[in-house]
Amino acid sequence: MEIAPRITIDEKVRFGKPVVKGTRVPVDLILGKLAGGMTYEEVIQEYDLIKEDILAVLDYAAKHISEEEVRAIA
């Protein structure tokens, strides 16, 4: 099931974690690689993706973070 552009979930693929459509590459893996210093080009080459896949992962993550509610506990 497509939950965002280019992002899908399927219980039979990576235990239902969000992945790049048509692959088994999890969204969190791509985010981790980028956060760890890999360039778009390195991620694209390593996981056989296209730039639009990377941008879709970033968009998906940004939308989910923007919905997150954080409360300070004193």
PDB file of N, CA and C in Angstrom:
ATOM      1  N   MET A   1       0.845  -1.169   0.000  1.00  0.00           N
ATOM      2  CA  MET A   1       0.000   0.000   0.000  1.00  0.00           C
ATOM      3  C   MET A   1       0.898   1.243   0.000  1.00  0.00           C
ATOM      4  N   GLU A   2       0.614   2.176  -0.891  1.00  0.00           N
ATOM      5  CA  GLU A   2       1.392   3.405  -0.951  1.00  0.00           C
ATOM      6  C   GLU A   2       0.865   4.373   0.108  1.00  0.00           C
ATOM      7  N   ILE A   3       1.724   4.781   1.038  1.00  0.00           N
ATOM      8  CA  ILE A   3       1.316   5.678   2.130  1.00  0.00           C
ATOM      9  C   ILE A   3       1.777   7.108   1.892  1.00  0.00           C
ATOM     10  N   ALA A   4       2.630   7.294   0.919  1.00  0.00           N
ATOM     11  CA  ALA A   4       3.125   8.609   0.506  1.00  0.00           C
ATOM     12  C   ALA A   4       3.717   8.404  -0.884  1.00  0.00           C
ATOM     13  N   PRO A   5       3.913   9.491  -1.621  1.00  0.00           N
ATOM     14  CA  PRO A   5       4.526   9.313  -2.936  1.00  0.00           C
ATOM     15  C   PRO A   5       5.859   8.565  -2.840  1.00  0.00           C
ATOM     16  N   ARG A   6       5.954   7.440  -3.559  1.00  0.00           N
ATOM     17  CA  ARG A   6       7.157   6.609  -3.637  1.00  0.00           C
ATOM     18  C   ARG A   6       7.480   5.847  -2.345  1.00  0.00           C
ATOM     19  N   ILE A   7       6.597   5.876  -1.355  1.00  0.00           N
ATOM     20  CA  ILE A   7       6.813   5.175  -0.084  1.00  0.00           C
ATOM     21  C   ILE A   7       5.662   4.198   0.122  1.00  0.00           C
ATOM     22  N   THR A   8       5.997   2.929   0.400  1.00  0.00           N
ATOM     23  CA  THR A   8       4.969   1.908   0.584  1.00  0.00           C
ATOM     24  C   THR A   8       5.200   1.118   1.868  1.00  0.00           C
ATOM     25  N   ILE A   9       4.134   0.424   2.280  1.00  0.00           N
ATOM     26  CA  ILE A   9       4.246  -0.546   3.378  1.00  0.00           C
ATOM     27  C   ILE A   9       3.571  -1.835   2.927  1.00  0.00           C
ATOM     28  N   ASP A  10       4.122  -2.940   3.399  1.00  0.00           N
ATOM     29  CA  ASP A  10       3.586  -4.265   3.112  1.00  0.00           C
ATOM     30  C   ASP A  10       4.068  -5.164   4.243  1.00  0.00           C
ATOM     31  N   GLU A  11       3.141  -5.818   4.914  1.00  0.00           N
ATOM     32  CA  GLU A  11       3.508  -6.681   6.038  1.00  0.00           C
ATOM     33  C   GLU A  11       4.542  -7.733   5.661  1.00  0.00           C
ATOM     34  N   LYS A  12       4.598  -8.110   4.396  1.00  0.00           N
ATOM     35  CA  LYS A  12       5.519  -9.144   3.941  1.00  0.00           C
ATOM     36  C   LYS A  12       6.898  -8.597   3.567  1.00  0.00           C
ATOM     37  N   VAL A  13       7.039  -7.283   3.589  1.00  0.00           N
ATOM     38  CA  VAL A  13       8.312  -6.648   3.242  1.00  0.00           C
ATOM     39  C   VAL A  13       8.807  -5.857   4.449  1.00  0.00           C
ATOM     40  N   ARG A  14       9.935  -6.279   4.970  1.00  0.00           N
ATOM     41  CA  ARG A  14      10.560  -5.595   6.106  1.00  0.00           C
ATOM     42  C   ARG A  14       9.602  -5.401   7.277  1.00  0.00           C
ATOM     43  N   PHE A  15       8.770  -6.415   7.518  1.00  0.00           N
ATOM     44  CA  PHE A  15       7.850  -6.434   8.656  1.00  0.00           C
ATOM     45  C   PHE A  15       6.899  -5.236   8.671  1.00  0.00           C
ATOM     46  N   GLY A  16       6.559  -4.722   7.486  1.00  0.00           N
ATOM     47  CA  GLY A  16       5.615  -3.619   7.396  1.00  0.00           C
ATOM     48  C   GLY A  16       6.207  -2.239   7.587  1.00  0.00           C
ATOM     49  N   LYS A  17       7.537  -2.154   7.650  1.00  0.00           N
ATOM     50  CA  LYS A  17       8.172  -0.844   7.785  1.00  0.00           C
ATOM     51  C   LYS A  17       8.055  -0.085   6.458  1.00  0.00           C
ATOM     52  N   PRO A  18       7.988   1.242   6.492  1.00  0.00           N
ATOM     53  CA  PRO A  18       7.952   2.002   5.246  1.00  0.00           C
ATOM     54  C   PRO A  18       9.230   1.795   4.432  1.00  0.00           C
ATOM     55  N   VAL A  19       9.052   1.520   3.149  1.00  0.00           N
ATOM     56  CA  VAL A  19      10.177   1.306   2.241  1.00  0.00           C
ATOM     57  C   VAL A  19       9.981   2.135   0.979  1.00  0.00           C
ATOM     58  N   VAL A  20      11.060   2.308   0.238  1.00  0.00           N
ATOM     59  CA  VAL A  20      10.980   2.957  -1.060  1.00  0.00           C
ATOM     60  C   VAL A  20      10.210   2.026  -1.994  1.00  0.00           C
ATOM     61  N   LYS A  21       9.224   2.573  -2.677  1.00  0.00           N
ATOM     62  CA  LYS A  21       8.346   1.789  -3.562  1.00  0.00           C
ATOM     63  C   LYS A  21       9.161   0.945  -4.543  1.00  0.00           C
ATOM     64  N   GLY A  22       8.788  -0.329  -4.642  1.00  0.00           N
ATOM     65  CA  GLY A  22       9.436  -1.241  -5.579  1.00  0.00           C
ATOM     66  C   GLY A  22      10.758  -1.794  -5.087  1.00  0.00           C
ATOM     67  N   THR A  23      11.111  -1.507  -3.824  1.00  0.00           N
ATOM     68  CA  THR A  23      12.357  -2.007  -3.247  1.00  0.00           C
ATOM     69  C   THR A  23      12.082  -2.594  -1.870  1.00  0.00           C
ATOM     70  N   ARG A  24      13.139  -3.074  -1.244  1.00  0.00           N
ATOM     71  CA  ARG A  24      13.079  -3.515   0.148  1.00  0.00           C
ATOM     72  C   ARG A  24      13.916  -2.576   1.020  1.00  0.00           C
ATOM     73  N   VAL A  25      14.173  -1.373   0.515  1.00  0.00           N
ATOM     74  CA  VAL A  25      15.030  -0.409   1.208  1.00  0.00           C
ATOM     75  C   VAL A  25      14.177   0.436   2.156  1.00  0.00           C
ATOM     76  N   PRO A  26      14.379   0.280   3.477  1.00  0.00           N
ATOM     77  CA  PRO A  26      13.573   1.018   4.452  1.00  0.00           C
ATOM     78  C   PRO A  26      13.902   2.518   4.485  1.00  0.00           C
ATOM     79  N   VAL A  27      12.873   3.289   4.745  1.00  0.00           N
ATOM     80  CA  VAL A  27      13.016   4.738   4.869  1.00  0.00           C
ATOM     81  C   VAL A  27      14.044   5.078   5.950  1.00  0.00           C
ATOM     82  N   ASP A  28      13.958   4.422   7.107  1.00  0.00           N
ATOM     83  CA  ASP A  28      14.874   4.761   8.199  1.00  0.00           C
ATOM     84  C   ASP A  28      16.332   4.458   7.853  1.00  0.00           C
ATOM     85  N   LEU A  29      16.570   3.467   7.017  1.00  0.00           N
ATOM     86  CA  LEU A  29      17.934   3.161   6.593  1.00  0.00           C
ATOM     87  C   LEU A  29      18.502   4.313   5.764  1.00  0.00           C
ATOM     88  N   ILE A  30      17.706   4.805   4.815  1.00  0.00           N
ATOM     89  CA  ILE A  30      18.151   5.915   3.972  1.00  0.00           C
ATOM     90  C   ILE A  30      18.414   7.155   4.824  1.00  0.00           C
ATOM     91  N   LEU A  31      17.518   7.449   5.742  1.00  0.00           N
ATOM     92  CA  LEU A  31      17.721   8.608   6.621  1.00  0.00           C
ATOM     93  C   LEU A  31      18.999   8.459   7.442  1.00  0.00           C
ATOM     94  N   GLY A  32      19.226   7.281   7.951  1.00  0.00           N
ATOM     95  CA  GLY A  32      20.429   7.027   8.732  1.00  0.00           C
ATOM     96  C   GLY A  32      21.698   7.186   7.920  1.00  0.00           C
ATOM     97  N   LYS A  33      21.677   6.697   6.706  1.00  0.00           N
ATOM     98  CA  LYS A  33      22.860   6.824   5.836  1.00  0.00           C
ATOM     99  C   LYS A  33      23.146   8.292   5.521  1.00  0.00           C
ATOM    100  N   LEU A  34      22.097   9.059   5.219  1.00  0.00           N
ATOM    101  CA  LEU A  34      22.288  10.482   4.944  1.00  0.00           C
ATOM    102  C   LEU A  34      22.775  11.217   6.197  1.00  0.00           C
ATOM    103  N   ALA A  35      22.189  10.899   7.343  1.00  0.00           N
ATOM    104  CA  ALA A  35      22.607  11.518   8.605  1.00  0.00           C
ATOM    105  C   ALA A  35      24.040  11.149   8.955  1.00  0.00           C
ATOM    106  N   GLY A  36      24.465   9.970   8.524  1.00  0.00           N
ATOM    107  CA  GLY A  36      25.823   9.510   8.784  1.00  0.00           C
ATOM    108  C   GLY A  36      26.862  10.095   7.843  1.00  0.00           C
ATOM    109  N   GLY A  37      26.404  10.875   6.866  1.00  0.00           N
ATOM    110  CA  GLY A  37      27.353  11.550   5.996  1.00  0.00           C
ATOM    111  C   GLY A  37      27.417  11.073   4.556  1.00  0.00           C
ATOM    112  N   MET A  38      26.662  10.041   4.218  1.00  0.00           N
ATOM    113  CA  MET A  38      26.658   9.609   2.820  1.00  0.00           C
ATOM    114  C   MET A  38      25.998  10.685   1.969  1.00  0.00           C
ATOM    115  N   THR A  39      26.465  10.857   0.764  1.00  0.00           N
ATOM    116  CA  THR A  39      25.856  11.803  -0.157  1.00  0.00           C
ATOM    117  C   THR A  39      24.674  11.137  -0.859  1.00  0.00           C
ATOM    118  N   TYR A  40      23.840  11.957  -1.498  1.00  0.00           N
ATOM    119  CA  TYR A  40      22.740  11.407  -2.292  1.00  0.00           C
ATOM    120  C   TYR A  40      23.289  10.401  -3.291  1.00  0.00           C
ATOM    121  N   GLU A  41      24.353  10.790  -3.963  1.00  0.00           N
ATOM    122  CA  GLU A  41      24.919   9.940  -5.009  1.00  0.00           C
ATOM    123  C   GLU A  41      25.386   8.596  -4.460  1.00  0.00           C
ATOM    124  N   GLU A  42      26.014   8.617  -3.282  1.00  0.00           N
ATOM    125  CA  GLU A  42      26.479   7.369  -2.668  1.00  0.00           C
ATOM    126  C   GLU A  42      25.303   6.466  -2.296  1.00  0.00           C
ATOM    127  N   VAL A  43      24.252   7.053  -1.741  1.00  0.00           N
ATOM    128  CA  VAL A  43      23.067   6.273  -1.371  1.00  0.00           C
ATOM    129  C   VAL A  43      22.398   5.708  -2.626  1.00  0.00           C
ATOM    130  N   ILE A  44      22.275   6.535  -3.646  1.00  0.00           N
ATOM    131  CA  ILE A  44      21.669   6.101  -4.908  1.00  0.00           C
ATOM    132  C   ILE A  44      22.431   4.915  -5.479  1.00  0.00           C
ATOM    133  N   GLN A  45      23.737   5.015  -5.487  1.00  0.00           N
ATOM    134  CA  GLN A  45      24.565   3.944  -6.042  1.00  0.00           C
ATOM    135  C   GLN A  45      24.525   2.683  -5.172  1.00  0.00           C
ATOM    136  N   GLU A  46      24.608   2.866  -3.868  1.00  0.00           N
ATOM    137  CA  GLU A  46      24.645   1.730  -2.939  1.00  0.00           C
ATOM    138  C   GLU A  46      23.341   0.921  -2.951  1.00  0.00           C
ATOM    139  N   TYR A  47      22.206   1.611  -3.063  1.00  0.00           N
ATOM    140  CA  TYR A  47      20.912   0.944  -2.938  1.00  0.00           C
ATOM    141  C   TYR A  47      20.100   0.930  -4.228  1.00  0.00           C
ATOM    142  N   ASP A  48      20.720   1.295  -5.340  1.00  0.00           N
ATOM    143  CA  ASP A  48      20.072   1.261  -6.656  1.00  0.00           C
ATOM    144  C   ASP A  48      18.764   2.055  -6.658  1.00  0.00           C
ATOM    145  N   LEU A  49      18.842   3.307  -6.212  1.00  0.00           N
ATOM    146  CA  LEU A  49      17.695   4.202  -6.153  1.00  0.00           C
ATOM    147  C   LEU A  49      17.880   5.330  -7.159  1.00  0.00           C
ATOM    148  N   ILE A  50      16.900   6.226  -7.208  1.00  0.00           N
ATOM    149  CA  ILE A  50      17.024   7.440  -8.004  1.00  0.00           C
ATOM    150  C   ILE A  50      16.839   8.640  -7.077  1.00  0.00           C
ATOM    151  N   LYS A  51      17.222   9.807  -7.545  1.00  0.00           N
ATOM    152  CA  LYS A  51      17.163  10.999  -6.699  1.00  0.00           C
ATOM    153  C   LYS A  51      15.750  11.239  -6.165  1.00  0.00           C
ATOM    154  N   GLU A  52      14.738  10.980  -6.964  1.00  0.00           N
ATOM    155  CA  GLU A  52      13.357  11.172  -6.526  1.00  0.00           C
ATOM    156  C   GLU A  52      13.012  10.282  -5.331  1.00  0.00           C
ATOM    157  N   ASP A  53      13.628   9.103  -5.244  1.00  0.00           N
ATOM    158  CA  ASP A  53      13.421   8.225  -4.086  1.00  0.00           C
ATOM    159  C   ASP A  53      13.958   8.882  -2.814  1.00  0.00           C
ATOM    160  N   ILE A  54      15.149   9.450  -2.910  1.00  0.00           N
ATOM    161  CA  ILE A  54      15.766  10.114  -1.757  1.00  0.00           C
ATOM    162  C   ILE A  54      14.909  11.304  -1.317  1.00  0.00           C
ATOM    163  N   LEU A  55      14.467  12.081  -2.277  1.00  0.00           N
ATOM    164  CA  LEU A  55      13.633  13.243  -1.960  1.00  0.00           C
ATOM    165  C   LEU A  55      12.301  12.816  -1.342  1.00  0.00           C
ATOM    166  N   ALA A  56      11.738  11.706  -1.804  1.00  0.00           N
ATOM    167  CA  ALA A  56      10.495  11.187  -1.231  1.00  0.00           C
ATOM    168  C   ALA A  56      10.700  10.745   0.217  1.00  0.00           C
ATOM    169  N   VAL A  57      11.831  10.120   0.499  1.00  0.00           N
ATOM    170  CA  VAL A  57      12.158   9.707   1.876  1.00  0.00           C
ATOM    171  C   VAL A  57      12.257  10.935   2.780  1.00  0.00           C
ATOM    172  N   LEU A  58      12.954  11.959   2.324  1.00  0.00           N
ATOM    173  CA  LEU A  58      13.104  13.179   3.115  1.00  0.00           C
ATOM    174  C   LEU A  58      11.756  13.870   3.326  1.00  0.00           C
ATOM    175  N   ASP A  59      10.929  13.913   2.306  1.00  0.00           N
ATOM    176  CA  ASP A  59       9.608  14.527   2.414  1.00  0.00           C
ATOM    177  C   ASP A  59       8.744  13.755   3.408  1.00  0.00           C
ATOM    178  N   TYR A  60       8.769  12.435   3.297  1.00  0.00           N
ATOM    179  CA  TYR A  60       7.997  11.585   4.217  1.00  0.00           C
ATOM    180  C   TYR A  60       8.433  11.833   5.664  1.00  0.00           C
ATOM    181  N   ALA A  61       9.721  11.864   5.897  1.00  0.00           N
ATOM    182  CA  ALA A  61      10.242  12.069   7.249  1.00  0.00           C
ATOM    183  C   ALA A  61       9.890  13.463   7.763  1.00  0.00           C
ATOM    184  N   ALA A  62      10.026  14.462   6.930  1.00  0.00           N
ATOM    185  CA  ALA A  62       9.720  15.833   7.342  1.00  0.00           C
ATOM    186  C   ALA A  62       8.252  15.965   7.742  1.00  0.00           C
ATOM    187  N   LYS A  63       7.362  15.357   6.980  1.00  0.00           N
ATOM    188  CA  LYS A  63       5.933  15.433   7.299  1.00  0.00           C
ATOM    189  C   LYS A  63       5.621  14.732   8.611  1.00  0.00           C
ATOM    190  N   HIS A  64       6.280  13.608   8.867  1.00  0.00           N
ATOM    191  CA  HIS A  64       6.035  12.895  10.120  1.00  0.00           C
ATOM    192  C   HIS A  64       6.608  13.639  11.315  1.00  0.00           C
ATOM    193  N   ILE A  65       7.751  14.240  11.149  1.00  0.00           N
ATOM    194  CA  ILE A  65       8.346  15.014  12.246  1.00  0.00           C
ATOM    195  C   ILE A  65       7.494  16.243  12.555  1.00  0.00           C
ATOM    196  N   SER A  66       6.952  16.866  11.527  1.00  0.00           N
ATOM    197  CA  SER A  66       6.146  18.071  11.746  1.00  0.00           C
ATOM    198  C   SER A  66       4.863  17.762  12.523  1.00  0.00           C
ATOM    199  N   GLU A  67       4.403  16.532  12.468  1.00  0.00           N
ATOM    200  CA  GLU A  67       3.198  16.122  13.186  1.00  0.00           C
ATOM    201  C   GLU A  67       3.495  15.678  14.618  1.00  0.00           C
ATOM    202  N   GLU A  68       4.767  15.493  14.922  1.00  0.00           N
ATOM    203  CA  GLU A  68       5.160  15.008  16.238  1.00  0.00           C
ATOM    204  C   GLU A  68       4.928  16.074  17.301  1.00  0.00           C
ATOM    205  N   GLU A  69       4.399  15.651  18.435  1.00  0.00           N
ATOM    206  CA  GLU A  69       4.168  16.559  19.543  1.00  0.00           C
ATOM    207  C   GLU A  69       5.144  16.231  20.653  1.00  0.00           C
ATOM    208  N   VAL A  70       5.908  17.214  21.077  1.00  0.00           N
ATOM    209  CA  VAL A  70       6.878  17.016  22.154  1.00  0.00           C
ATOM    210  C   VAL A  70       6.473  17.910  23.320  1.00  0.00           C
ATOM    211  N   ARG A  71       6.433  17.338  24.496  1.00  0.00           N
ATOM    212  CA  ARG A  71       6.069  18.106  25.689  1.00  0.00           C
ATOM    213  C   ARG A  71       7.183  18.022  26.709  1.00  0.00           C
ATOM    214  N   ALA A  72       7.534  19.181  27.235  1.00  0.00           N
ATOM    215  CA  ALA A  72       8.556  19.251  28.281  1.00  0.00           C
ATOM    216  C   ALA A  72       7.948  18.850  29.615  1.00  0.00           C
ATOM    217  N   ILE A  73       8.693  18.042  30.334  1.00  0.00           N
ATOM    218  CA  ILE A  73       8.257  17.629  31.669  1.00  0.00           C
ATOM    219  C   ILE A  73       9.246  18.207  32.662  1.00  0.00           C
ATOM    220  N   ALA A  74       8.718  19.016  33.554  1.00  0.00           N
ATOM    221  CA  ALA A  74       9.601  19.693  34.523  1.00  0.00           C
ATOM    222  C   ALA A  74       9.734  18.904  35.789  1.00  0.00           C
TER     223      ALA A  74
END
